[in-house]
Amino acid sequence: MTSRRGDLTVYAGQAQEGDGVPDSSAELDGPIEKLRNVHLSRPGRDPRVVYVRGWTKIVAGRPQVVITTEASHNIVNWALLATRRWYGHRVVIMGHIRSSGQSRLAMALRRRLVAAADGVLAYTPEGVEQACAWGIAQERVMSVGNTLDLARIEAAKRAVNPADVTSLRRNFGLEGLVCLFVGRPNRVKRLDVAIDAMRLLAQRDVQAHLIVIGSSAELPGYVERAEGMANVHFVGEVLDEDVLAPYFGLADIMLIPGAVGLSVNHAFAYGVPLVTSADAPHRPEMAIAEHGKNALLLESMDAQTFAETLERLSQNPTMLQALKANATSTAVPGVDNMVAAIESLVVTVAHQPNRAKR
């Protein structure tokens, strides 16, 4: 893979089935080396990649710069830092950098990892501030944003056939407020609260429906929780943007009571506002969500509060339309800016001294 200022080789591991997206490396142009992730399973939580078999291929290729994640639990990230002295590469850490919901030990390890890096690509300005506070010089840190291919989303939106949206609405029997949950339904996203809120709305004869798109090991439990409910619909995993677009086309809101990350930008790109909890362990991407403008950030993580809010929203079309308009105008710019920022920092780091040689 060649950019305007360098060559890129991708070293790709594989997610476990049901805990991540399938292998999409075939969609990429250029050199791709397949590696094998070793996962650590954790009861009730997503597995973590703790080692990558074949990682020595990376350093053996004598790259100038290696971009890796901020995952301090991955042994290979520490190995990439430790081998700089012998192989001469530089290491750039990319990720949220500053995140909520982390244990003190996890944050301490992340701090050590980030502080040892030659450069940092932080998704948000807050991540830049954190990296600088941990000892990375300002010229070695850049805020790149964390976004989706908005041009691809715009193309998918334009290609939506209104008849397909009408057909979906008819097939699901949708009436009233249409809520959409898109993402991996794991515990931190609190799909259980959304399902319980929909049950309360049905008991009050409020016309509202929830469509759940996504798959995970926990999904069967949520399906069982919603058994017999005519206003909750499970679609399964959908990764094709052209297939997703009609669902966003019929949605009034994105409903994720718990932790929200890149889903907020996905929703806003389609003009769909967000309803979530203010106190959930959100990712930094949530910085674009403003209560009363493009989102509703509720104070309590309980079904009653969510049901009452959704009922009020269903009765206030003027407010709903204002939220939709503001969501459209506040989506983070597309990947072009992100790519340019990454390229700029990588070139800068490549021409500066390796920190391991100091």
Protein backbone atom coordinates (compact mmCIF):
# COMPACT_ATOMS: atom_id res chain seq x y z
CA MET A 1 0.00 0.00 0.00
CA THR A 2 1.51 3.34 -1.05
CA SER A 3 0.53 6.80 0.14
CA ARG A 4 1.86 10.07 -1.15
CA ARG A 5 4.68 9.94 1.38
CA GLY A 6 5.44 6.31 2.17
CA ASP A 7 4.64 2.62 1.88
CA LEU A 8 2.36 0.73 4.24
CA THR A 9 2.27 -2.97 5.08
CA VAL A 10 -0.68 -4.21 7.13
CA TYR A 11 -0.16 -7.01 9.66
CA ALA A 12 -3.63 -8.35 10.44
CA GLY A 13 -4.81 -10.72 13.14
CA GLN A 14 -8.31 -12.18 13.35
CA ALA A 15 -11.11 -11.53 15.82
CA GLN A 16 -12.92 -14.40 17.48
CA GLU A 17 -16.26 -15.24 15.94
CA GLY A 18 -19.02 -13.28 17.64
CA ASP A 19 -16.63 -10.85 19.30
CA GLY A 20 -15.53 -8.73 16.37
CA VAL A 21 -15.90 -8.14 12.67
CA PRO A 22 -14.80 -10.90 10.28
CA ASP A 23 -11.65 -10.66 8.21
CA SER A 24 -11.99 -7.74 5.81
CA SER A 25 -8.38 -7.60 4.64
CA ALA A 26 -9.42 -8.68 1.14
CA GLU A 27 -10.90 -5.21 0.71
CA LEU A 28 -7.49 -3.57 1.18
CA ASP A 29 -4.96 -2.92 -1.54
CA GLY A 30 -1.30 -3.67 -1.06
CA PRO A 31 0.84 -5.94 1.13
CA ILE A 32 -1.05 -7.72 3.90
CA GLU A 33 0.59 -10.21 6.26
CA LYS A 34 -1.76 -12.53 8.13
CA LEU A 35 -0.92 -13.08 11.79
CA ARG A 36 -2.80 -14.98 14.49
CA ASN A 37 -4.27 -13.36 17.58
CA VAL A 38 -4.18 -15.18 20.89
CA HIS A 39 -7.20 -14.25 23.02
CA LEU A 40 -7.72 -14.33 26.75
CA SER A 41 -11.32 -15.16 27.63
CA ARG A 42 -12.88 -13.32 30.55
CA PRO A 43 -16.15 -14.43 32.19
CA GLY A 44 -18.92 -12.01 31.31
CA ARG A 45 -16.63 -9.74 29.32
CA ASP A 46 -15.19 -9.55 25.82
CA PRO A 47 -12.00 -11.56 25.22
CA ARG A 48 -8.77 -9.63 24.84
CA VAL A 49 -5.90 -10.07 22.41
CA VAL A 50 -2.90 -10.73 24.66
CA TYR A 51 -0.40 -11.95 22.07
CA VAL A 52 0.00 -12.05 18.29
CA ARG A 53 1.76 -15.08 16.85
CA GLY A 54 4.21 -14.26 14.09
CA TRP A 55 4.74 -10.67 15.25
CA THR A 56 8.49 -10.91 14.64
CA LYS A 57 7.72 -10.60 10.92
CA ILE A 58 6.95 -6.96 11.66
CA VAL A 59 10.36 -6.02 13.02
CA ALA A 60 12.21 -8.37 10.65
CA GLY A 61 10.93 -6.24 7.78
CA ARG A 62 12.92 -3.30 9.18
CA PRO A 63 10.10 -0.73 9.06
CA GLN A 64 10.82 2.88 9.93
CA VAL A 65 7.60 3.26 11.92
CA VAL A 66 5.21 0.72 13.46
CA ILE A 67 1.70 1.92 14.33
CA THR A 68 0.01 -0.16 17.00
CA THR A 69 -2.83 0.13 19.48
CA GLU A 70 -2.85 1.44 23.03
CA ALA A 71 -3.66 -2.05 24.35
CA SER A 72 -1.29 -2.43 27.31
CA HIS A 73 -2.53 -6.01 27.86
CA ASN A 74 -1.04 -7.08 24.50
CA ILE A 75 2.48 -8.39 25.12
CA VAL A 76 3.50 -7.62 21.55
CA ASN A 77 3.13 -3.88 22.08
CA TRP A 78 5.74 -4.02 24.83
CA ALA A 79 7.93 -6.22 22.62
CA LEU A 80 7.77 -3.66 19.80
CA LEU A 81 9.02 -1.00 22.21
CA ALA A 82 11.75 -3.24 23.62
CA THR A 83 13.18 -4.20 20.21
CA ARG A 84 13.59 -0.67 18.87
CA ARG A 85 17.23 -0.54 19.90
CA TRP A 86 18.12 -3.55 17.74
CA TYR A 87 15.87 -3.07 14.73
CA GLY A 88 15.79 0.73 14.59
CA HIS A 89 12.04 1.20 14.14
CA ARG A 90 9.92 3.77 15.90
CA VAL A 91 6.64 2.99 17.62
CA VAL A 92 3.50 5.12 17.34
CA ILE A 93 0.63 4.36 19.71
CA MET A 94 -2.87 5.02 18.38
CA GLY A 95 -6.16 5.06 20.29
CA HIS A 96 -8.35 6.87 22.76
CA ILE A 97 -5.43 7.41 25.19
CA ARG A 98 -7.79 8.98 27.69
CA SER A 99 -10.74 6.69 28.46
CA SER A 100 -13.29 6.31 31.21
CA GLY A 101 -14.19 3.12 33.01
CA GLN A 102 -10.60 1.87 33.31
CA SER A 103 -9.14 0.39 36.49
CA ARG A 104 -6.22 2.14 38.16
CA LEU A 105 -3.90 -0.69 37.13
CA ALA A 106 -5.05 -0.53 33.51
CA MET A 107 -4.50 3.22 33.38
CA ALA A 108 -1.08 2.89 34.99
CA LEU A 109 0.00 0.35 32.37
CA ARG A 110 -1.42 2.48 29.57
CA ARG A 111 0.51 5.45 30.89
CA ARG A 112 3.77 3.51 30.82
CA LEU A 113 3.06 2.29 27.28
CA VAL A 114 2.13 5.71 25.91
CA ALA A 115 4.99 7.52 27.66
CA ALA A 116 7.51 5.12 26.09
CA ALA A 117 6.24 5.65 22.53
CA ASP A 118 7.94 7.72 19.84
CA GLY A 119 4.64 9.27 18.81
CA VAL A 120 0.94 9.23 19.70
CA LEU A 121 -2.13 9.39 17.48
CA ALA A 122 -5.01 10.32 19.78
CA TYR A 123 -8.60 10.26 18.61
CA THR A 124 -9.54 13.46 20.46
CA PRO A 125 -7.94 16.67 21.80
CA GLU A 126 -8.51 15.29 25.29
CA GLY A 127 -6.33 12.32 24.34
CA VAL A 128 -3.62 14.72 23.19
CA GLU A 129 -3.73 16.50 26.53
CA GLN A 130 -3.40 13.18 28.35
CA ALA A 131 -0.43 12.06 26.24
CA CYS A 132 1.37 15.34 26.85
CA ALA A 133 0.68 15.05 30.58
CA TRP A 134 2.30 11.61 30.43
CA GLY A 135 5.52 12.99 28.97
CA ILE A 136 5.14 12.94 25.19
CA ALA A 137 6.40 16.15 23.55
CA GLN A 138 3.73 18.17 21.76
CA GLU A 139 5.35 17.70 18.33
CA ARG A 140 5.06 13.92 18.72
CA VAL A 141 1.31 13.95 19.42
CA MET A 142 -1.57 14.58 17.05
CA SER A 143 -5.36 14.51 17.31
CA VAL A 144 -6.63 12.54 14.34
CA GLY A 145 -10.30 12.12 15.16
CA ASN A 146 -11.99 8.74 15.05
CA THR A 147 -14.53 8.53 12.31
CA LEU A 148 -16.12 6.51 9.59
CA ASP A 149 -15.98 6.80 5.84
CA LEU A 150 -18.65 9.48 5.61
CA ALA A 151 -18.38 9.58 1.82
CA ARG A 152 -19.31 5.90 1.78
CA ILE A 153 -22.22 6.57 4.14
CA GLU A 154 -23.44 9.46 2.00
CA ALA A 155 -23.36 7.20 -1.06
CA ALA A 156 -25.33 4.55 0.83
CA LYS A 157 -27.89 7.16 1.93
CA ARG A 158 -28.38 8.41 -1.62
CA ALA A 159 -28.83 4.85 -2.89
CA VAL A 160 -31.64 4.01 -0.46
CA ASN A 161 -34.85 3.18 -2.24
CA PRO A 162 -37.81 4.66 -0.33
CA ALA A 163 -39.74 1.51 -1.21
CA ASP A 164 -37.20 -0.54 0.77
CA VAL A 165 -37.75 1.63 3.84
CA THR A 166 -41.51 1.27 3.45
CA SER A 167 -41.13 -2.48 3.09
CA LEU A 168 -39.06 -2.72 6.28
CA ARG A 169 -41.61 -0.64 8.15
CA ARG A 170 -44.41 -2.90 6.94
CA ASN A 171 -42.52 -6.15 7.62
CA PHE A 172 -41.75 -5.16 11.21
CA GLY A 173 -45.16 -3.59 11.77
CA LEU A 174 -43.57 -0.33 12.85
CA GLU A 175 -45.71 2.45 14.25
CA GLY A 176 -44.78 5.50 16.25
CA LEU A 177 -41.23 6.14 17.47
CA VAL A 178 -38.59 3.90 15.85
CA CYS A 179 -35.47 3.28 17.99
CA LEU A 180 -32.34 1.70 16.56
CA PHE A 181 -29.55 -0.13 18.42
CA VAL A 182 -26.48 -0.73 16.24
CA GLY A 183 -23.34 -2.37 17.59
CA ARG A 184 -22.13 -5.33 19.55
CA PRO A 185 -24.72 -5.89 22.31
CA ASN A 186 -22.28 -6.46 25.15
CA ARG A 187 -22.88 -5.68 28.82
CA VAL A 188 -21.52 -2.13 28.86
CA LYS A 189 -24.03 -1.00 26.21
CA ARG A 190 -26.94 -1.98 28.49
CA LEU A 191 -29.34 -3.32 25.88
CA ASP A 192 -31.27 -4.80 28.81
CA VAL A 193 -32.36 -1.30 29.86
CA ALA A 194 -33.57 -0.54 26.33
CA ILE A 195 -35.59 -3.78 26.19
CA ASP A 196 -37.16 -3.14 29.60
CA ALA A 197 -38.03 0.42 28.56
CA MET A 198 -39.80 -0.90 25.47
CA ARG A 199 -41.79 -3.28 27.68
CA LEU A 200 -42.95 -0.36 29.83
CA LEU A 201 -43.95 1.62 26.74
CA ALA A 202 -46.00 -1.31 25.45
CA GLN A 203 -47.77 -1.55 28.81
CA ARG A 204 -48.68 2.15 28.49
CA ASP A 205 -49.91 1.64 24.90
CA VAL A 206 -47.21 4.00 23.59
CA GLN A 207 -46.40 3.24 19.95
CA ALA A 208 -42.63 2.64 19.87
CA HIS A 209 -40.35 -0.06 18.48
CA LEU A 210 -36.73 -1.09 18.96
CA ILE A 211 -34.66 -2.65 16.16
CA VAL A 212 -31.44 -4.35 17.32
CA ILE A 213 -28.63 -4.78 14.77
CA GLY A 214 -25.51 -6.58 15.95
CA SER A 215 -24.26 -9.87 17.33
CA SER A 216 -22.30 -11.04 20.36
CA ALA A 217 -21.98 -13.96 22.73
CA GLU A 218 -24.51 -12.21 25.01
CA LEU A 219 -27.15 -11.76 22.29
CA PRO A 220 -29.13 -14.97 23.07
CA GLY A 221 -29.74 -13.67 26.60
CA TYR A 222 -31.19 -10.43 25.26
CA VAL A 223 -33.37 -12.32 22.79
CA GLU A 224 -34.71 -14.38 25.69
CA ARG A 225 -35.30 -11.20 27.73
CA ALA A 226 -37.45 -9.80 24.91
CA GLU A 227 -39.39 -13.02 24.31
CA GLY A 228 -43.02 -12.32 23.45
CA MET A 229 -42.47 -8.59 22.92
CA ALA A 230 -43.93 -7.40 19.62
CA ASN A 231 -42.07 -4.08 19.74
CA VAL A 232 -38.47 -5.45 19.88
CA HIS A 233 -36.93 -6.85 16.70
CA PHE A 234 -33.54 -8.58 16.31
CA VAL A 235 -31.90 -8.39 12.89
CA GLY A 236 -28.48 -9.90 13.65
CA GLU A 237 -25.14 -8.66 12.40
CA VAL A 238 -25.14 -6.35 9.38
CA LEU A 239 -21.79 -5.04 8.14
CA ASP A 240 -22.75 -3.92 4.64
CA GLU A 241 -23.42 -0.17 4.70
CA ASP A 242 -25.87 -0.47 1.81
CA VAL A 243 -27.93 -2.92 3.87
CA LEU A 244 -27.68 -0.78 7.02
CA ALA A 245 -28.73 2.45 5.32
CA PRO A 246 -32.48 1.65 5.03
CA TYR A 247 -32.60 0.87 8.76
CA PHE A 248 -31.09 4.26 9.55
CA GLY A 249 -33.57 5.70 7.06
CA LEU A 250 -36.54 4.59 9.12
CA ALA A 251 -35.00 5.29 12.55
CA ASP A 252 -36.00 8.27 14.69
CA ILE A 253 -33.28 7.79 17.31
CA MET A 254 -30.26 5.67 18.15
CA LEU A 255 -30.98 4.08 21.53
CA ILE A 256 -27.92 2.81 23.43
CA PRO A 257 -28.47 3.27 27.19
CA GLY A 258 -24.89 2.31 28.11
CA ALA A 259 -21.42 2.95 26.71
CA VAL A 260 -21.27 4.64 23.30
CA GLY A 261 -18.23 5.02 21.06
CA LEU A 262 -18.02 5.38 17.30
CA SER A 263 -21.75 4.58 17.03
CA VAL A 264 -22.51 8.21 17.84
CA ASN A 265 -20.79 9.39 14.67
CA HIS A 266 -22.43 6.63 12.64
CA ALA A 267 -25.85 7.76 13.83
CA PHE A 268 -25.20 11.48 13.32
CA ALA A 269 -23.93 10.82 9.79
CA TYR A 270 -27.45 9.59 9.00
CA GLY A 271 -29.11 12.44 10.88
CA VAL A 272 -30.25 10.15 13.70
CA PRO A 273 -29.93 11.62 17.23
CA LEU A 274 -28.80 9.61 20.24
CA VAL A 275 -30.51 8.74 23.51
CA THR A 276 -28.18 7.38 26.19
CA SER A 277 -27.14 7.75 29.83
CA ALA A 278 -24.93 10.64 30.88
CA ASP A 279 -23.03 8.50 33.38
CA ALA A 280 -22.20 5.47 31.20
CA PRO A 281 -18.49 4.72 30.52
CA HIS A 282 -18.57 6.37 27.10
CA ARG A 283 -15.65 6.51 24.69
CA PRO A 284 -14.15 9.90 23.78
CA GLU A 285 -16.11 10.02 20.51
CA MET A 286 -19.10 11.00 22.65
CA ALA A 287 -17.63 14.50 22.94
CA ILE A 288 -19.73 15.49 19.91
CA ALA A 289 -22.99 14.62 21.71
CA GLU A 290 -24.70 17.58 23.41
CA HIS A 291 -27.75 17.15 25.57
CA GLY A 292 -30.78 18.87 24.07
CA LYS A 293 -28.98 19.61 20.81
CA ASN A 294 -28.23 16.34 19.01
CA ALA A 295 -28.74 13.90 21.88
CA LEU A 296 -30.60 13.27 25.10
CA LEU A 297 -28.23 12.30 27.94
CA LEU A 298 -30.30 10.90 30.78
CA GLU A 299 -29.30 11.11 34.42
CA SER A 300 -30.47 7.65 35.47
CA MET A 301 -29.63 4.22 34.08
CA ASP A 302 -33.05 2.69 34.56
CA ALA A 303 -35.84 1.56 32.27
CA GLN A 304 -38.42 3.88 33.84
CA THR A 305 -36.39 7.00 33.03
CA PHE A 306 -35.75 5.87 29.47
CA ALA A 307 -39.40 4.93 28.92
CA GLU A 308 -40.61 8.32 30.16
CA THR A 309 -38.13 10.14 27.92
CA LEU A 310 -39.05 8.11 24.85
CA GLU A 311 -42.75 8.67 25.52
CA ARG A 312 -42.22 12.46 25.70
CA LEU A 313 -40.13 12.35 22.54
CA SER A 314 -42.81 10.41 20.68
CA GLN A 315 -45.27 13.17 21.56
CA ASN A 316 -43.00 16.04 20.54
CA PRO A 317 -42.25 15.85 16.79
CA THR A 318 -40.87 19.41 16.77
CA MET A 319 -38.18 18.50 19.29
CA LEU A 320 -37.39 15.28 17.43
CA GLN A 321 -36.92 17.12 14.13
CA ALA A 322 -34.61 19.66 15.80
CA LEU A 323 -32.49 16.85 17.25
CA LYS A 324 -32.27 15.21 13.82
CA ALA A 325 -31.19 18.42 12.11
CA ASN A 326 -28.47 19.07 14.70
CA ALA A 327 -27.25 15.47 14.50
CA THR A 328 -26.70 15.88 10.76
CA SER A 329 -24.67 19.07 11.22
CA THR A 330 -22.41 17.73 13.99
CA ALA A 331 -21.10 14.46 12.50
CA VAL A 332 -17.29 14.33 12.61
CA PRO A 333 -15.64 14.86 9.18
CA GLY A 334 -14.73 11.77 7.16
CA VAL A 335 -11.58 9.72 6.96
CA ASP A 336 -9.63 12.01 4.62
CA ASN A 337 -8.70 14.36 7.45
CA MET A 338 -7.85 11.39 9.66
CA VAL A 339 -5.58 9.85 7.03
CA ALA A 340 -3.78 13.16 6.43
CA ALA A 341 -3.13 13.59 10.17
CA ILE A 342 -1.79 10.06 10.56
CA GLU A 343 0.49 10.47 7.56
CA SER A 344 1.81 13.79 8.85
CA LEU A 345 2.75 12.46 12.28
CA VAL A 346 4.29 9.26 10.92
CA VAL A 347 6.56 11.25 8.61
CA THR A 348 7.56 13.51 11.51
CA VAL A 349 8.36 10.59 13.80
CA ALA A 350 10.28 8.74 11.07
CA HIS A 351 12.75 11.61 10.79
CA GLN A 352 13.28 12.13 14.50
CA PRO A 353 15.62 10.18 16.81
CA ASN A 354 14.42 6.83 18.11
CA ARG A 355 13.62 7.35 21.80
CA ALA A 356 15.10 3.97 22.67
CA LYS A 357 18.54 5.17 21.55
CA ARG A 358 18.66 8.19 23.80
